[in-house]
Amino acid sequence: MHSQENATPGYMKIQHYVSEKIRSGEYPVGGKIPSETELAEQFSVSRITANKAIKEMALMGLLERVRGRGTFVCAHPHLSTSAKAFASAVKLDVTGSRHHQLLQFRVMGAYPELAERAKVAEGTPFYEIILANKDGERNESLDYTYIPCSLIDDITPTLDYLRSHFVFDYLRIQPGLEPRFLKVFINLPQYDFLQSASRFLDGADSMSVWCTDVYDATMDLMAATYTAYPGDARDIPLFTFAL
């Protein structure tokens, strides 16, 4: 099995470590976790990196930071207001509906970049779903969604649901699955596996790419959606919030 340990960012290593300790009960509800300085030393990263890891987990509602006392495990982990804002997701308001066309669906082995993101071996089976966000007859943007085959035995009967719902909502209705967190990464490289986007986007020479990741309560990746916009788009809306 190919290890992704060395390629995993330091702050994510800390988050996975703390999440596992919470899940195992070693860090109990209300219990204090190691300080940022201790975590930085343990993982050989900077204090800034450790701070980033803990700050994100606090925003997610897993931890509570108390000035002068330390950081503690929350009694009832929940999506924070900030995290819910991300859940409204790409381009559409939270009460809107998606109108996507299915361009491609297949089972494929994880690309190196996807394997690194999911902390799995390269070639691990994933579903690949490519959807076009339509503006009339034109493809305005593309969503490349990747879901581990291990999560859903057969995704084909429910593919149509993904055309009108966000991946987070899609996973939430699947038996035994409990998506809890979203992370959005902007200004991503145009990875090799996104090369087909140029063809679907009328030969766009350049693209803007971001990724929306869905995680379970232990911060294991449940889905990754790479969204590609043509680089010459005058207005690229990352979020629209319904107030």
C-alpha atoms as a PDB file:
ATOM      1  CA  MET A   1       0.000   0.000   0.000  1.00  0.00           C
ATOM      2  CA  HIS A   2       1.375   3.385  -0.990  1.00  0.00           C
ATOM      3  CA  SER A   3       1.708   5.670   2.039  1.00  0.00           C
ATOM      4  CA  GLN A   4       0.569   9.283   1.782  1.00  0.00           C
ATOM      5  CA  GLU A   5       1.956  10.177   5.220  1.00  0.00           C
ATOM      6  CA  ASN A   6       4.835  12.318   3.993  1.00  0.00           C
ATOM      7  CA  ALA A   7       2.612  14.266   1.582  1.00  0.00           C
ATOM      8  CA  THR A   8      -0.111  15.062   4.131  1.00  0.00           C
ATOM      9  CA  PRO A   9       0.025  18.680   5.383  1.00  0.00           C
ATOM     10  CA  GLY A  10       1.111  19.013   9.008  1.00  0.00           C
ATOM     11  CA  TYR A  11      -2.095  20.668  10.168  1.00  0.00           C
ATOM     12  CA  MET A  12      -4.152  17.766   8.768  1.00  0.00           C
ATOM     13  CA  LYS A  13      -1.950  15.239  10.581  1.00  0.00           C
ATOM     14  CA  ILE A  14      -2.725  17.047  13.832  1.00  0.00           C
ATOM     15  CA  GLN A  15      -6.451  17.128  13.063  1.00  0.00           C
ATOM     16  CA  HIS A  16      -6.567  13.397  12.305  1.00  0.00           C
ATOM     17  CA  TYR A  17      -4.568  12.650  15.459  1.00  0.00           C
ATOM     18  CA  VAL A  18      -6.833  14.699  17.726  1.00  0.00           C
ATOM     19  CA  SER A  19      -9.991  13.342  16.042  1.00  0.00           C
ATOM     20  CA  GLU A  20      -8.846   9.758  16.623  1.00  0.00           C
ATOM     21  CA  LYS A  21      -8.100  10.501  20.284  1.00  0.00           C
ATOM     22  CA  ILE A  22     -11.597  11.962  20.701  1.00  0.00           C
ATOM     23  CA  ARG A  23     -13.220   8.988  18.972  1.00  0.00           C
ATOM     24  CA  SER A  24     -11.299   6.482  21.112  1.00  0.00           C
ATOM     25  CA  GLY A  25     -12.200   8.302  24.317  1.00  0.00           C
ATOM     26  CA  GLU A  26      -8.599   9.056  25.221  1.00  0.00           C
ATOM     27  CA  TYR A  27      -9.587  12.728  24.991  1.00  0.00           C
ATOM     28  CA  PRO A  28     -12.958  12.637  26.814  1.00  0.00           C
ATOM     29  CA  VAL A  29     -15.754  15.186  26.594  1.00  0.00           C
ATOM     30  CA  GLY A  30     -14.669  18.228  28.575  1.00  0.00           C
ATOM     31  CA  GLY A  31     -11.109  16.970  28.639  1.00  0.00           C
ATOM     32  CA  LYS A  32      -8.153  19.177  27.831  1.00  0.00           C
ATOM     33  CA  ILE A  33      -6.031  18.348  24.799  1.00  0.00           C
ATOM     34  CA  PRO A  34      -2.284  19.055  24.472  1.00  0.00           C
ATOM     35  CA  SER A  35      -1.282  22.667  23.927  1.00  0.00           C
ATOM     36  CA  GLU A  36      -0.448  24.020  20.487  1.00  0.00           C
ATOM     37  CA  THR A  37       3.212  24.169  21.516  1.00  0.00           C
ATOM     38  CA  GLU A  38       3.161  20.492  22.507  1.00  0.00           C
ATOM     39  CA  LEU A  39       1.424  19.479  19.278  1.00  0.00           C
ATOM     40  CA  ALA A  40       3.875  21.538  17.224  1.00  0.00           C
ATOM     41  CA  GLU A  41       6.797  19.747  18.871  1.00  0.00           C
ATOM     42  CA  GLN A  42       5.171  16.309  18.542  1.00  0.00           C
ATOM     43  CA  PHE A  43       4.551  16.716  14.801  1.00  0.00           C
ATOM     44  CA  SER A  44       7.676  18.776  14.053  1.00  0.00           C
ATOM     45  CA  VAL A  45       5.690  21.700  12.662  1.00  0.00           C
ATOM     46  CA  SER A  46       5.535  25.398  13.451  1.00  0.00           C
ATOM     47  CA  ARG A  47       3.317  26.864  16.161  1.00  0.00           C
ATOM     48  CA  ILE A  48       1.384  28.627  13.382  1.00  0.00           C
ATOM     49  CA  THR A  49       0.582  25.263  11.760  1.00  0.00           C
ATOM     50  CA  ALA A  50      -0.610  23.798  15.067  1.00  0.00           C
ATOM     51  CA  ASN A  51      -2.725  26.902  15.663  1.00  0.00           C
ATOM     52  CA  LYS A  52      -4.341  26.516  12.220  1.00  0.00           C
ATOM     53  CA  ALA A  53      -5.236  22.882  12.965  1.00  0.00           C
ATOM     54  CA  ILE A  54      -6.832  23.638  16.330  1.00  0.00           C
ATOM     55  CA  LYS A  55      -8.563  26.798  15.147  1.00  0.00           C
ATOM     56  CA  GLU A  56     -10.295  24.888  12.313  1.00  0.00           C
ATOM     57  CA  MET A  57     -11.448  22.152  14.698  1.00  0.00           C
ATOM     58  CA  ALA A  58     -12.834  24.808  17.031  1.00  0.00           C
ATOM     59  CA  LEU A  59     -14.745  26.394  14.130  1.00  0.00           C
ATOM     60  CA  MET A  60     -16.171  22.957  13.336  1.00  0.00           C
ATOM     61  CA  GLY A  61     -17.472  22.658  16.890  1.00  0.00           C
ATOM     62  CA  LEU A  62     -15.216  19.764  17.943  1.00  0.00           C
ATOM     63  CA  LEU A  63     -13.092  21.811  20.320  1.00  0.00           C
ATOM     64  CA  GLU A  64     -13.508  24.856  22.537  1.00  0.00           C
ATOM     65  CA  ARG A  65     -10.625  27.247  23.109  1.00  0.00           C
ATOM     66  CA  VAL A  66     -10.631  29.004  26.490  1.00  0.00           C
ATOM     67  CA  ARG A  67      -8.232  31.908  26.884  1.00  0.00           C
ATOM     68  CA  GLY A  68      -5.715  31.293  29.635  1.00  0.00           C
ATOM     69  CA  ARG A  69      -6.885  27.718  30.220  1.00  0.00           C
ATOM     70  CA  GLY A  70      -6.364  25.751  27.015  1.00  0.00           C
ATOM     71  CA  THR A  71      -8.426  23.787  24.495  1.00  0.00           C
ATOM     72  CA  PHE A  72     -11.137  21.312  25.480  1.00  0.00           C
ATOM     73  CA  VAL A  73     -13.272  18.651  23.772  1.00  0.00           C
ATOM     74  CA  CYS A  74     -16.818  19.911  23.200  1.00  0.00           C
ATOM     75  CA  ALA A  75     -19.710  18.081  24.844  1.00  0.00           C
ATOM     76  CA  HIS A  76     -21.853  18.024  21.712  1.00  0.00           C
ATOM     77  CA  PRO A  77     -19.811  18.363  18.526  1.00  0.00           C
ATOM     78  CA  HIS A  78     -21.824  20.202  15.930  1.00  0.00           C
ATOM     79  CA  LEU A  79     -21.451  22.267  12.806  1.00  0.00           C
ATOM     80  CA  SER A  80     -20.601  25.816  13.812  1.00  0.00           C
ATOM     81  CA  THR A  81     -22.191  28.835  12.180  1.00  0.00           C
ATOM     82  CA  SER A  82     -19.068  29.308  10.073  1.00  0.00           C
ATOM     83  CA  ALA A  83     -19.134  25.694   8.913  1.00  0.00           C
ATOM     84  CA  LYS A  84     -22.823  25.956   8.039  1.00  0.00           C
ATOM     85  CA  ALA A  85     -22.013  28.948   5.892  1.00  0.00           C
ATOM     86  CA  PHE A  86     -19.651  26.764   3.878  1.00  0.00           C
ATOM     87  CA  ALA A  87     -22.407  24.155   3.607  1.00  0.00           C
ATOM     88  CA  SER A  88     -24.448  26.514   1.438  1.00  0.00           C
ATOM     89  CA  ALA A  89     -21.613  25.778  -0.976  1.00  0.00           C
ATOM     90  CA  VAL A  90     -20.759  26.684  -4.480  1.00  0.00           C
ATOM     91  CA  LYS A  91     -22.595  29.360  -6.434  1.00  0.00           C
ATOM     92  CA  LEU A  92     -26.181  28.604  -5.402  1.00  0.00           C
ATOM     93  CA  ASP A  93     -28.063  29.969  -2.420  1.00  0.00           C
ATOM     94  CA  VAL A  94     -29.091  27.525   0.276  1.00  0.00           C
ATOM     95  CA  THR A  95     -32.718  27.535  -0.828  1.00  0.00           C
ATOM     96  CA  GLY A  96     -31.939  27.223  -4.523  1.00  0.00           C
ATOM     97  CA  SER A  97     -31.900  24.129  -6.663  1.00  0.00           C
ATOM     98  CA  ARG A  98     -29.179  22.769  -8.901  1.00  0.00           C
ATOM     99  CA  HIS A  99     -29.723  22.172 -12.602  1.00  0.00           C
ATOM    100  CA  HIS A 100     -26.798  20.046 -13.693  1.00  0.00           C
ATOM    101  CA  GLN A 101     -26.291  17.801 -16.699  1.00  0.00           C
ATOM    102  CA  LEU A 102     -24.493  14.496 -16.205  1.00  0.00           C
ATOM    103  CA  LEU A 103     -21.546  14.435 -18.607  1.00  0.00           C
ATOM    104  CA  GLN A 104     -19.664  11.380 -17.407  1.00  0.00           C
ATOM    105  CA  PHE A 105     -19.850   8.626 -14.798  1.00  0.00           C
ATOM    106  CA  ARG A 106     -17.410   5.811 -14.165  1.00  0.00           C
ATOM    107  CA  VAL A 107     -15.503   3.835 -11.547  1.00  0.00           C
ATOM    108  CA  MET A 108     -11.803   4.706 -11.559  1.00  0.00           C
ATOM    109  CA  GLY A 109      -8.676   4.324  -9.468  1.00  0.00           C
ATOM    110  CA  ALA A 110      -7.690   7.273  -7.290  1.00  0.00           C
ATOM    111  CA  TYR A 111      -5.310   9.708  -8.938  1.00  0.00           C
ATOM    112  CA  PRO A 112      -2.224  10.653  -6.864  1.00  0.00           C
ATOM    113  CA  GLU A 113      -3.752  14.004  -5.872  1.00  0.00           C
ATOM    114  CA  LEU A 114      -7.039  12.380  -4.836  1.00  0.00           C
ATOM    115  CA  ALA A 115      -5.266   9.573  -2.975  1.00  0.00           C
ATOM    116  CA  GLU A 116      -3.270  12.151  -1.029  1.00  0.00           C
ATOM    117  CA  ARG A 117      -6.434  14.082  -0.195  1.00  0.00           C
ATOM    118  CA  ALA A 118      -8.275  10.963   1.003  1.00  0.00           C
ATOM    119  CA  LYS A 119      -5.236   9.352   2.674  1.00  0.00           C
ATOM    120  CA  VAL A 120      -5.665   6.134   0.682  1.00  0.00           C
ATOM    121  CA  ALA A 121      -3.514   4.161  -1.733  1.00  0.00           C
ATOM    122  CA  GLU A 122      -3.300   5.285  -5.349  1.00  0.00           C
ATOM    123  CA  GLY A 123      -5.709   3.226  -7.436  1.00  0.00           C
ATOM    124  CA  THR A 124      -8.284   2.855  -4.637  1.00  0.00           C
ATOM    125  CA  PRO A 125     -11.718   2.610  -6.360  1.00  0.00           C
ATOM    126  CA  PHE A 126     -13.722   5.837  -6.525  1.00  0.00           C
ATOM    127  CA  TYR A 127     -16.858   6.888  -8.346  1.00  0.00           C
ATOM    128  CA  GLU A 128     -16.186   9.807 -10.703  1.00  0.00           C
ATOM    129  CA  ILE A 129     -19.204  11.957 -11.541  1.00  0.00           C
ATOM    130  CA  ILE A 130     -18.746  14.922 -13.891  1.00  0.00           C
ATOM    131  CA  LEU A 131     -21.643  17.386 -13.920  1.00  0.00           C
ATOM    132  CA  ALA A 132     -22.085  20.576 -15.950  1.00  0.00           C
ATOM    133  CA  ASN A 133     -23.747  23.629 -14.459  1.00  0.00           C
ATOM    134  CA  LYS A 134     -25.775  24.940 -17.391  1.00  0.00           C
ATOM    135  CA  ASP A 135     -26.379  28.532 -18.440  1.00  0.00           C
ATOM    136  CA  GLY A 136     -28.815  27.954 -21.263  1.00  0.00           C
ATOM    137  CA  GLU A 137     -26.979  25.735 -23.734  1.00  0.00           C
ATOM    138  CA  ARG A 138     -23.554  26.732 -22.414  1.00  0.00           C
ATOM    139  CA  ASN A 139     -21.600  24.886 -19.726  1.00  0.00           C
ATOM    140  CA  GLU A 140     -20.953  27.598 -17.146  1.00  0.00           C
ATOM    141  CA  SER A 141     -18.856  25.427 -14.812  1.00  0.00           C
ATOM    142  CA  LEU A 142     -18.032  21.782 -14.158  1.00  0.00           C
ATOM    143  CA  ASP A 143     -18.114  19.673 -10.997  1.00  0.00           C
ATOM    144  CA  TYR A 144     -15.788  16.673 -10.807  1.00  0.00           C
ATOM    145  CA  THR A 145     -17.043  14.678  -7.813  1.00  0.00           C
ATOM    146  CA  TYR A 146     -15.203  11.696  -6.324  1.00  0.00           C
ATOM    147  CA  ILE A 147     -16.820   9.351  -3.784  1.00  0.00           C
ATOM    148  CA  PRO A 148     -15.090   6.229  -2.410  1.00  0.00           C
ATOM    149  CA  CYS A 149     -16.763   3.074  -3.722  1.00  0.00           C
ATOM    150  CA  SER A 150     -16.400   1.637  -0.221  1.00  0.00           C
ATOM    151  CA  LEU A 151     -19.068   4.071   1.031  1.00  0.00           C
ATOM    152  CA  ILE A 152     -21.829   3.134  -1.442  1.00  0.00           C
ATOM    153  CA  ASP A 153     -22.151  -0.300  -3.049  1.00  0.00           C
ATOM    154  CA  ASP A 154     -23.995   0.878  -6.166  1.00  0.00           C
ATOM    155  CA  ILE A 155     -24.399   4.573  -6.831  1.00  0.00           C
ATOM    156  CA  THR A 156     -26.096   4.274 -10.225  1.00  0.00           C
ATOM    157  CA  PRO A 157     -29.746   4.137  -9.014  1.00  0.00           C
ATOM    158  CA  THR A 158     -29.332   7.469  -7.208  1.00  0.00           C
ATOM    159  CA  LEU A 159     -27.179   9.362  -9.710  1.00  0.00           C
ATOM    160  CA  ASP A 160     -30.084  11.548 -10.795  1.00  0.00           C
ATOM    161  CA  TYR A 161     -30.409  12.863  -7.233  1.00  0.00           C
ATOM    162  CA  LEU A 162     -26.939  14.405  -7.551  1.00  0.00           C
ATOM    163  CA  ARG A 163     -28.123  16.525 -10.481  1.00  0.00           C
ATOM    164  CA  SER A 164     -30.372  18.535  -8.184  1.00  0.00           C
ATOM    165  CA  HIS A 165     -28.727  18.248  -4.759  1.00  0.00           C
ATOM    166  CA  PHE A 166     -25.376  19.041  -3.199  1.00  0.00           C
ATOM    167  CA  VAL A 167     -23.051  16.145  -2.448  1.00  0.00           C
ATOM    168  CA  PHE A 168     -23.347  16.839   1.292  1.00  0.00           C
ATOM    169  CA  ASP A 169     -27.132  16.388   1.119  1.00  0.00           C
ATOM    170  CA  TYR A 170     -26.774  13.351  -1.130  1.00  0.00           C
ATOM    171  CA  LEU A 171     -24.489  11.592   1.347  1.00  0.00           C
ATOM    172  CA  ARG A 172     -26.713  12.530   4.258  1.00  0.00           C
ATOM    173  CA  ILE A 173     -29.616  10.441   2.913  1.00  0.00           C
ATOM    174  CA  GLN A 174     -27.474   7.358   2.308  1.00  0.00           C
ATOM    175  CA  PRO A 175     -27.973   4.570   4.903  1.00  0.00           C
ATOM    176  CA  GLY A 176     -25.225   4.511   7.515  1.00  0.00           C
ATOM    177  CA  LEU A 177     -23.472   7.668   6.313  1.00  0.00           C
ATOM    178  CA  GLU A 178     -23.192  10.800   8.459  1.00  0.00           C
ATOM    179  CA  PRO A 179     -21.411  13.698   6.752  1.00  0.00           C
ATOM    180  CA  ARG A 180     -20.487  16.339   9.304  1.00  0.00           C
ATOM    181  CA  PHE A 181     -17.990  18.836   7.943  1.00  0.00           C
ATOM    182  CA  LEU A 182     -17.098  20.752   4.798  1.00  0.00           C
ATOM    183  CA  LYS A 183     -13.835  22.369   3.785  1.00  0.00           C
ATOM    184  CA  VAL A 184     -13.398  24.572   0.739  1.00  0.00           C
ATOM    185  CA  PHE A 185      -9.983  25.038  -0.886  1.00  0.00           C
ATOM    186  CA  ILE A 186      -9.536  27.802  -3.466  1.00  0.00           C
ATOM    187  CA  ASN A 187      -6.933  28.580  -6.142  1.00  0.00           C
ATOM    188  CA  LEU A 188      -6.058  24.936  -6.797  1.00  0.00           C
ATOM    189  CA  PRO A 189      -3.761  23.868  -9.648  1.00  0.00           C
ATOM    190  CA  GLN A 190      -5.286  22.612 -12.877  1.00  0.00           C
ATOM    191  CA  TYR A 191      -4.550  18.944 -12.190  1.00  0.00           C
ATOM    192  CA  ASP A 192      -4.025  16.527 -15.071  1.00  0.00           C
ATOM    193  CA  PHE A 193      -7.307  14.726 -14.371  1.00  0.00           C
ATOM    194  CA  LEU A 194      -9.167  18.004 -15.030  1.00  0.00           C
ATOM    195  CA  GLN A 195      -7.888  18.282 -18.596  1.00  0.00           C
ATOM    196  CA  SER A 196     -11.254  17.283 -20.050  1.00  0.00           C
ATOM    197  CA  ALA A 197     -12.730  20.442 -18.506  1.00  0.00           C
ATOM    198  CA  SER A 198     -11.242  22.547 -21.291  1.00  0.00           C
ATOM    199  CA  ARG A 199     -13.196  20.544 -23.865  1.00  0.00           C
ATOM    200  CA  PHE A 200     -16.446  20.770 -21.914  1.00  0.00           C
ATOM    201  CA  LEU A 201     -15.918  24.520 -21.334  1.00  0.00           C
ATOM    202  CA  ASP A 202     -15.671  25.396 -25.031  1.00  0.00           C
ATOM    203  CA  GLY A 203     -11.907  25.151 -25.216  1.00  0.00           C
ATOM    204  CA  ALA A 204     -11.097  27.487 -22.319  1.00  0.00           C
ATOM    205  CA  ASP A 205      -7.342  28.124 -22.222  1.00  0.00           C
ATOM    206  CA  SER A 206      -7.257  28.641 -18.462  1.00  0.00           C
ATOM    207  CA  MET A 207      -9.476  27.741 -15.529  1.00  0.00           C
ATOM    208  CA  SER A 208     -10.095  28.667 -11.929  1.00  0.00           C
ATOM    209  CA  VAL A 209     -10.378  25.588  -9.710  1.00  0.00           C
ATOM    210  CA  TRP A 210     -11.540  25.077  -6.153  1.00  0.00           C
ATOM    211  CA  CYS A 211     -12.423  21.960  -4.174  1.00  0.00           C
ATOM    212  CA  THR A 212     -15.198  21.234  -1.678  1.00  0.00           C
ATOM    213  CA  ASP A 213     -14.415  18.304   0.634  1.00  0.00           C
ATOM    214  CA  VAL A 214     -16.985  16.466   2.769  1.00  0.00           C
ATOM    215  CA  TYR A 215     -15.832  14.709   5.962  1.00  0.00           C
ATOM    216  CA  ASP A 216     -17.393  12.467   8.580  1.00  0.00           C
ATOM    217  CA  ALA A 217     -17.147  13.087  12.337  1.00  0.00           C
ATOM    218  CA  THR A 218     -13.615  11.670  12.466  1.00  0.00           C
ATOM    219  CA  MET A 219     -12.441  13.847   9.554  1.00  0.00           C
ATOM    220  CA  ASP A 220     -12.249  10.951   7.083  1.00  0.00           C
ATOM    221  CA  LEU A 221     -12.917  12.160   3.533  1.00  0.00           C
ATOM    222  CA  MET A 222     -16.326  11.131   2.182  1.00  0.00           C
ATOM    223  CA  ALA A 223     -16.319  13.091  -1.076  1.00  0.00           C
ATOM    224  CA  ALA A 224     -14.300  15.667  -2.971  1.00  0.00           C
ATOM    225  CA  THR A 225     -15.770  17.963  -5.616  1.00  0.00           C
ATOM    226  CA  TYR A 226     -13.435  19.945  -7.857  1.00  0.00           C
ATOM    227  CA  THR A 227     -15.240  22.865  -9.501  1.00  0.00           C
ATOM    228  CA  ALA A 228     -13.741  24.366 -12.658  1.00  0.00           C
ATOM    229  CA  TYR A 229     -14.656  27.743 -14.149  1.00  0.00           C
ATOM    230  CA  PRO A 230     -13.227  29.194 -17.377  1.00  0.00           C
ATOM    231  CA  GLY A 231     -10.400  31.548 -16.479  1.00  0.00           C
ATOM    232  CA  ASP A 232     -11.887  34.376 -18.534  1.00  0.00           C
ATOM    233  CA  ALA A 233     -15.145  34.399 -16.581  1.00  0.00           C
ATOM    234  CA  ARG A 234     -15.762  37.983 -15.492  1.00  0.00           C
ATOM    235  CA  ASP A 235     -17.537  37.060 -12.280  1.00  0.00           C
ATOM    236  CA  ILE A 236     -16.785  33.815 -10.432  1.00  0.00           C
ATOM    237  CA  PRO A 237     -19.150  33.452  -7.435  1.00  0.00           C
ATOM    238  CA  LEU A 238     -17.675  31.156  -4.804  1.00  0.00           C
ATOM    239  CA  PHE A 239     -20.602  31.468  -2.349  1.00  0.00           C
ATOM    240  CA  THR A 240     -24.065  32.960  -2.340  1.00  0.00           C
ATOM    241  CA  PHE A 241     -25.793  33.014   1.035  1.00  0.00           C
ATOM    242  CA  ALA A 242     -29.554  33.232   1.588  1.00  0.00           C
ATOM    243  CA  LEU A 243     -30.275  35.718   4.391  1.00  0.00           C
END
